[in-house]
Amino acid sequence: MAQSLIYVTAANREEALAIARELVNSRLAACANVLSGTTSVYHWEGEVCEDEEISMILKTRDDLIEQAVEKIKALHSYDCPCVVALPISTGNQAFLDWIDAETETKDS
C-alpha cells in the first residue's frame, strides 16, 4: 500500500491533540506528531495576519486520505483549515508496514 503524511495546523495544542486522538482512535492515522511553536504568516480576509499555531503531521495510507481530511475539517475550529497530504516516496519499510497495519480495520 502507499502511504502519505497529512500536514495540519491548529489554533492550539488542545485542538491539535483532540484531532490527533480522534484520527488515531478511528484508525484513519497510524500516529500523529504534534509540534509546538509554529508562527504562521498568511493573507486572510484582505489582511496579512501573523498567529501562533500548532502544526501536526499525521501518517496514513493513501486510500484513507479523503476520509481523514473530512474528519479533520469536521473537528477543526477554522473556516478553512490547512490540511494537505504529501506522498511518502520511500522510507524505512518496516515503518511503512507499521502504518499499514495500524490503519487496518475489518473494513479495510
N, C-alpha and C. Protein backbone atom coordinates (compact mmCIF):
# COMPACT_ATOMS: atom_id res chain seq x y z
N MET A 1 0.84 -1.19 0.00
CA MET A 1 0.00 0.00 0.00
C MET A 1 0.88 1.25 0.00
N ALA A 2 0.32 2.34 -0.48
CA ALA A 2 1.03 3.61 -0.49
C ALA A 2 0.62 4.42 0.74
N GLN A 3 1.56 5.21 1.24
CA GLN A 3 1.32 6.00 2.44
C GLN A 3 1.58 7.48 2.16
N SER A 4 1.01 8.31 3.01
CA SER A 4 1.19 9.76 2.92
C SER A 4 1.28 10.38 4.30
N LEU A 5 1.80 11.59 4.33
CA LEU A 5 1.77 12.44 5.52
C LEU A 5 0.67 13.46 5.30
N ILE A 6 -0.09 13.74 6.34
CA ILE A 6 -1.07 14.82 6.28
C ILE A 6 -0.59 15.91 7.23
N TYR A 7 -0.37 17.09 6.67
CA TYR A 7 0.08 18.25 7.45
C TYR A 7 -1.14 19.10 7.79
N VAL A 8 -1.26 19.46 9.07
CA VAL A 8 -2.40 20.23 9.56
C VAL A 8 -1.88 21.30 10.52
N THR A 9 -2.48 22.49 10.48
CA THR A 9 -2.23 23.47 11.54
C THR A 9 -3.51 23.63 12.35
N ALA A 10 -3.34 23.92 13.62
CA ALA A 10 -4.48 24.09 14.53
C ALA A 10 -4.28 25.34 15.38
N ALA A 11 -5.36 25.80 15.96
CA ALA A 11 -5.32 27.04 16.75
C ALA A 11 -4.51 26.89 18.02
N ASN A 12 -4.53 25.69 18.62
CA ASN A 12 -3.82 25.49 19.87
C ASN A 12 -3.53 24.00 20.08
N ARG A 13 -2.75 23.71 21.08
CA ARG A 13 -2.33 22.33 21.35
C ARG A 13 -3.52 21.42 21.68
N GLU A 14 -4.48 21.93 22.43
CA GLU A 14 -5.64 21.12 22.81
C GLU A 14 -6.42 20.68 21.57
N GLU A 15 -6.63 21.61 20.64
CA GLU A 15 -7.35 21.27 19.42
C GLU A 15 -6.56 20.24 18.60
N ALA A 16 -5.27 20.46 18.46
CA ALA A 16 -4.44 19.51 17.70
C ALA A 16 -4.47 18.12 18.33
N LEU A 17 -4.34 18.05 19.64
CA LEU A 17 -4.38 16.75 20.32
C LEU A 17 -5.74 16.08 20.18
N ALA A 18 -6.81 16.84 20.25
CA ALA A 18 -8.14 16.26 20.09
C ALA A 18 -8.31 15.67 18.68
N ILE A 19 -7.85 16.40 17.67
CA ILE A 19 -7.92 15.89 16.30
C ILE A 19 -7.04 14.66 16.15
N ALA A 20 -5.83 14.72 16.68
CA ALA A 20 -4.90 13.59 16.59
C ALA A 20 -5.49 12.35 17.25
N ARG A 21 -6.01 12.51 18.43
CA ARG A 21 -6.58 11.35 19.15
C ARG A 21 -7.73 10.73 18.36
N GLU A 22 -8.59 11.55 17.83
CA GLU A 22 -9.75 11.05 17.08
C GLU A 22 -9.30 10.29 15.83
N LEU A 23 -8.32 10.82 15.10
CA LEU A 23 -7.87 10.13 13.89
C LEU A 23 -7.14 8.83 14.20
N VAL A 24 -6.35 8.82 15.25
CA VAL A 24 -5.66 7.58 15.64
C VAL A 24 -6.67 6.57 16.19
N ASN A 25 -7.59 7.02 17.05
CA ASN A 25 -8.60 6.11 17.60
C ASN A 25 -9.46 5.48 16.52
N SER A 26 -9.77 6.24 15.48
CA SER A 26 -10.62 5.72 14.40
C SER A 26 -9.80 5.01 13.32
N ARG A 27 -8.50 4.91 13.53
CA ARG A 27 -7.58 4.24 12.62
C ARG A 27 -7.48 4.89 11.24
N LEU A 28 -7.80 6.18 11.19
CA LEU A 28 -7.58 6.94 9.96
C LEU A 28 -6.14 7.41 9.87
N ALA A 29 -5.42 7.34 10.98
CA ALA A 29 -3.98 7.65 11.02
C ALA A 29 -3.31 6.66 11.96
N ALA A 30 -2.09 6.27 11.61
CA ALA A 30 -1.33 5.37 12.48
C ALA A 30 -0.77 6.14 13.67
N CYS A 31 -0.37 7.37 13.45
CA CYS A 31 0.15 8.20 14.54
C CYS A 31 0.15 9.65 14.11
N ALA A 32 0.36 10.52 15.08
CA ALA A 32 0.40 11.95 14.83
C ALA A 32 1.55 12.55 15.64
N ASN A 33 2.26 13.48 15.03
CA ASN A 33 3.25 14.28 15.73
C ASN A 33 2.66 15.67 15.89
N VAL A 34 2.51 16.12 17.13
CA VAL A 34 2.00 17.46 17.42
C VAL A 34 3.22 18.31 17.76
N LEU A 35 3.46 19.31 16.93
CA LEU A 35 4.67 20.13 17.03
C LEU A 35 4.32 21.52 17.55
N SER A 36 5.00 21.97 18.55
CA SER A 36 4.73 23.29 19.13
C SER A 36 5.55 24.37 18.45
N GLY A 37 5.10 25.60 18.62
CA GLY A 37 5.90 26.75 18.23
C GLY A 37 5.88 27.11 16.76
N THR A 38 4.75 26.98 16.09
CA THR A 38 4.65 27.39 14.69
C THR A 38 4.11 28.80 14.63
N THR A 39 4.82 29.67 13.92
CA THR A 39 4.31 31.01 13.65
C THR A 39 3.88 31.03 12.19
N SER A 40 2.62 31.33 11.95
CA SER A 40 2.09 31.36 10.60
C SER A 40 1.86 32.81 10.18
N VAL A 41 2.30 33.15 8.98
CA VAL A 41 2.07 34.45 8.37
C VAL A 41 1.27 34.17 7.10
N TYR A 42 0.11 34.82 6.95
CA TYR A 42 -0.78 34.47 5.85
C TYR A 42 -1.74 35.62 5.55
N HIS A 43 -2.32 35.57 4.35
CA HIS A 43 -3.39 36.51 3.99
C HIS A 43 -4.71 35.91 4.44
N TRP A 44 -5.55 36.73 5.05
CA TRP A 44 -6.90 36.30 5.41
C TRP A 44 -7.81 37.51 5.40
N GLU A 45 -8.87 37.43 4.61
CA GLU A 45 -9.87 38.49 4.51
C GLU A 45 -9.23 39.85 4.24
N GLY A 46 -8.29 39.88 3.29
CA GLY A 46 -7.69 41.12 2.84
C GLY A 46 -6.56 41.67 3.69
N GLU A 47 -6.16 40.96 4.72
CA GLU A 47 -5.09 41.43 5.60
C GLU A 47 -4.00 40.38 5.73
N VAL A 48 -2.80 40.84 6.03
CA VAL A 48 -1.72 39.92 6.37
C VAL A 48 -1.80 39.68 7.88
N CYS A 49 -1.90 38.42 8.25
CA CYS A 49 -2.03 38.03 9.65
C CYS A 49 -0.80 37.26 10.10
N GLU A 50 -0.55 37.29 11.38
CA GLU A 50 0.54 36.52 11.98
C GLU A 50 0.04 35.94 13.29
N ASP A 51 0.04 34.61 13.38
CA ASP A 51 -0.50 33.94 14.56
C ASP A 51 0.37 32.76 14.98
N GLU A 52 0.33 32.48 16.26
CA GLU A 52 0.96 31.27 16.77
C GLU A 52 -0.03 30.12 16.57
N GLU A 53 0.45 29.05 16.01
CA GLU A 53 -0.37 27.88 15.78
C GLU A 53 0.40 26.64 16.19
N ILE A 54 -0.26 25.52 16.11
CA ILE A 54 0.36 24.22 16.35
C ILE A 54 0.32 23.45 15.04
N SER A 55 1.43 22.87 14.65
CA SER A 55 1.48 22.03 13.46
C SER A 55 1.36 20.57 13.86
N MET A 56 0.80 19.79 12.97
CA MET A 56 0.63 18.37 13.23
C MET A 56 0.93 17.61 11.94
N ILE A 57 1.61 16.47 12.09
CA ILE A 57 1.87 15.59 10.96
C ILE A 57 1.27 14.23 11.29
N LEU A 58 0.35 13.79 10.43
CA LEU A 58 -0.30 12.50 10.59
C LEU A 58 0.25 11.54 9.54
N LYS A 59 0.40 10.28 9.91
CA LYS A 59 0.84 9.25 8.97
C LYS A 59 -0.32 8.33 8.66
N THR A 60 -0.61 8.12 7.36
CA THR A 60 -1.75 7.31 6.98
C THR A 60 -1.53 6.64 5.63
N ARG A 61 -2.50 5.82 5.25
CA ARG A 61 -2.50 5.20 3.93
C ARG A 61 -3.17 6.16 2.95
N ASP A 62 -2.75 6.10 1.69
CA ASP A 62 -3.33 6.96 0.67
C ASP A 62 -4.84 6.78 0.54
N ASP A 63 -5.31 5.55 0.67
CA ASP A 63 -6.74 5.30 0.49
C ASP A 63 -7.59 5.84 1.64
N LEU A 64 -6.98 6.33 2.70
CA LEU A 64 -7.71 6.90 3.83
C LEU A 64 -7.67 8.43 3.86
N ILE A 65 -6.94 9.04 2.93
CA ILE A 65 -6.75 10.49 2.96
C ILE A 65 -8.07 11.24 2.91
N GLU A 66 -8.93 10.88 1.98
CA GLU A 66 -10.20 11.62 1.84
C GLU A 66 -11.02 11.56 3.13
N GLN A 67 -11.13 10.38 3.72
CA GLN A 67 -11.86 10.25 4.99
C GLN A 67 -11.20 11.06 6.10
N ALA A 68 -9.86 11.01 6.16
CA ALA A 68 -9.14 11.74 7.19
C ALA A 68 -9.34 13.25 7.04
N VAL A 69 -9.27 13.74 5.82
CA VAL A 69 -9.46 15.18 5.58
C VAL A 69 -10.86 15.60 6.01
N GLU A 70 -11.86 14.82 5.66
CA GLU A 70 -13.23 15.16 6.05
C GLU A 70 -13.40 15.16 7.58
N LYS A 71 -12.79 14.19 8.26
CA LYS A 71 -12.86 14.12 9.72
C LYS A 71 -12.16 15.34 10.33
N ILE A 72 -10.99 15.69 9.81
CA ILE A 72 -10.25 16.86 10.33
C ILE A 72 -11.09 18.12 10.16
N LYS A 73 -11.66 18.31 8.98
CA LYS A 73 -12.48 19.50 8.74
C LYS A 73 -13.67 19.56 9.69
N ALA A 74 -14.28 18.42 9.98
CA ALA A 74 -15.43 18.38 10.88
C ALA A 74 -15.05 18.73 12.32
N LEU A 75 -13.82 18.38 12.72
CA LEU A 75 -13.37 18.61 14.10
C LEU A 75 -12.70 19.97 14.29
N HIS A 76 -12.30 20.60 13.22
CA HIS A 76 -11.46 21.80 13.27
C HIS A 76 -12.27 23.06 13.53
N SER A 77 -11.66 24.01 14.23
CA SER A 77 -12.34 25.28 14.54
C SER A 77 -12.24 26.31 13.43
N TYR A 78 -11.32 26.16 12.49
CA TYR A 78 -11.14 27.15 11.43
C TYR A 78 -12.18 27.00 10.33
N ASP A 79 -12.51 28.11 9.66
CA ASP A 79 -13.38 28.07 8.49
C ASP A 79 -12.69 27.36 7.32
N CYS A 80 -11.38 27.55 7.20
CA CYS A 80 -10.62 26.99 6.08
C CYS A 80 -9.30 26.44 6.62
N PRO A 81 -9.34 25.27 7.29
CA PRO A 81 -8.11 24.75 7.90
C PRO A 81 -7.08 24.29 6.87
N CYS A 82 -5.83 24.45 7.23
CA CYS A 82 -4.73 23.92 6.43
C CYS A 82 -4.70 22.41 6.64
N VAL A 83 -5.02 21.66 5.60
CA VAL A 83 -4.97 20.20 5.63
C VAL A 83 -4.46 19.79 4.26
N VAL A 84 -3.22 19.32 4.18
CA VAL A 84 -2.64 18.91 2.90
C VAL A 84 -1.97 17.56 3.05
N ALA A 85 -2.07 16.75 2.02
CA ALA A 85 -1.46 15.43 2.02
C ALA A 85 -0.22 15.44 1.13
N LEU A 86 0.84 14.83 1.64
CA LEU A 86 2.10 14.74 0.92
C LEU A 86 2.47 13.26 0.79
N PRO A 87 2.71 12.78 -0.42
CA PRO A 87 3.02 11.36 -0.58
C PRO A 87 4.39 11.01 0.00
N ILE A 88 4.48 9.82 0.55
CA ILE A 88 5.75 9.29 1.01
C ILE A 88 6.31 8.46 -0.15
N SER A 89 7.45 8.85 -0.68
CA SER A 89 8.00 8.13 -1.84
C SER A 89 8.82 6.91 -1.43
N THR A 90 9.46 6.98 -0.27
CA THR A 90 10.26 5.86 0.20
C THR A 90 10.57 6.07 1.67
N GLY A 91 11.13 5.08 2.31
CA GLY A 91 11.47 5.20 3.72
C GLY A 91 11.76 3.84 4.32
N ASN A 92 11.81 3.79 5.62
CA ASN A 92 12.02 2.55 6.36
C ASN A 92 10.82 1.65 6.10
N GLN A 93 11.01 0.57 5.38
CA GLN A 93 9.90 -0.30 5.00
C GLN A 93 9.17 -0.85 6.22
N ALA A 94 9.89 -1.13 7.28
CA ALA A 94 9.24 -1.63 8.50
C ALA A 94 8.27 -0.58 9.05
N PHE A 95 8.65 0.69 9.00
CA PHE A 95 7.77 1.76 9.47
C PHE A 95 6.56 1.91 8.54
N LEU A 96 6.79 1.85 7.25
CA LEU A 96 5.68 1.96 6.30
C LEU A 96 4.71 0.79 6.48
N ASP A 97 5.23 -0.39 6.73
CA ASP A 97 4.38 -1.55 7.00
C ASP A 97 3.59 -1.34 8.29
N TRP A 98 4.22 -0.71 9.28
CA TRP A 98 3.54 -0.42 10.55
C TRP A 98 2.37 0.53 10.32
N ILE A 99 2.57 1.56 9.47
CA ILE A 99 1.46 2.48 9.14
C ILE A 99 0.29 1.68 8.57
N ASP A 100 0.59 0.80 7.63
CA ASP A 100 -0.47 -0.03 7.03
C ASP A 100 -1.19 -0.86 8.09
N ALA A 101 -0.42 -1.50 8.94
CA ALA A 101 -1.01 -2.39 9.97
C ALA A 101 -1.86 -1.60 10.96
N GLU A 102 -1.42 -0.41 11.34
CA GLU A 102 -2.13 0.37 12.36
C GLU A 102 -3.37 1.07 11.82
N THR A 103 -3.49 1.15 10.51
CA THR A 103 -4.68 1.79 9.92
C THR A 103 -5.63 0.75 9.35
N GLU A 104 -5.34 -0.51 9.56
CA GLU A 104 -6.23 -1.57 9.08
C GLU A 104 -7.43 -1.70 10.00
N THR A 105 -8.56 -1.88 9.41
CA THR A 105 -9.78 -2.19 10.16
C THR A 105 -10.40 -3.42 9.50
N LYS A 106 -11.39 -3.96 10.09
CA LYS A 106 -12.04 -5.11 9.48
C LYS A 106 -12.67 -4.76 8.15
N ASP A 107 -12.89 -3.44 7.89
CA ASP A 107 -13.45 -3.00 6.61
C ASP A 107 -12.38 -2.72 5.57
N SER A 108 -11.10 -2.70 5.97
CA SER A 108 -10.01 -2.35 5.03
C SER A 108 -9.76 -3.45 4.04
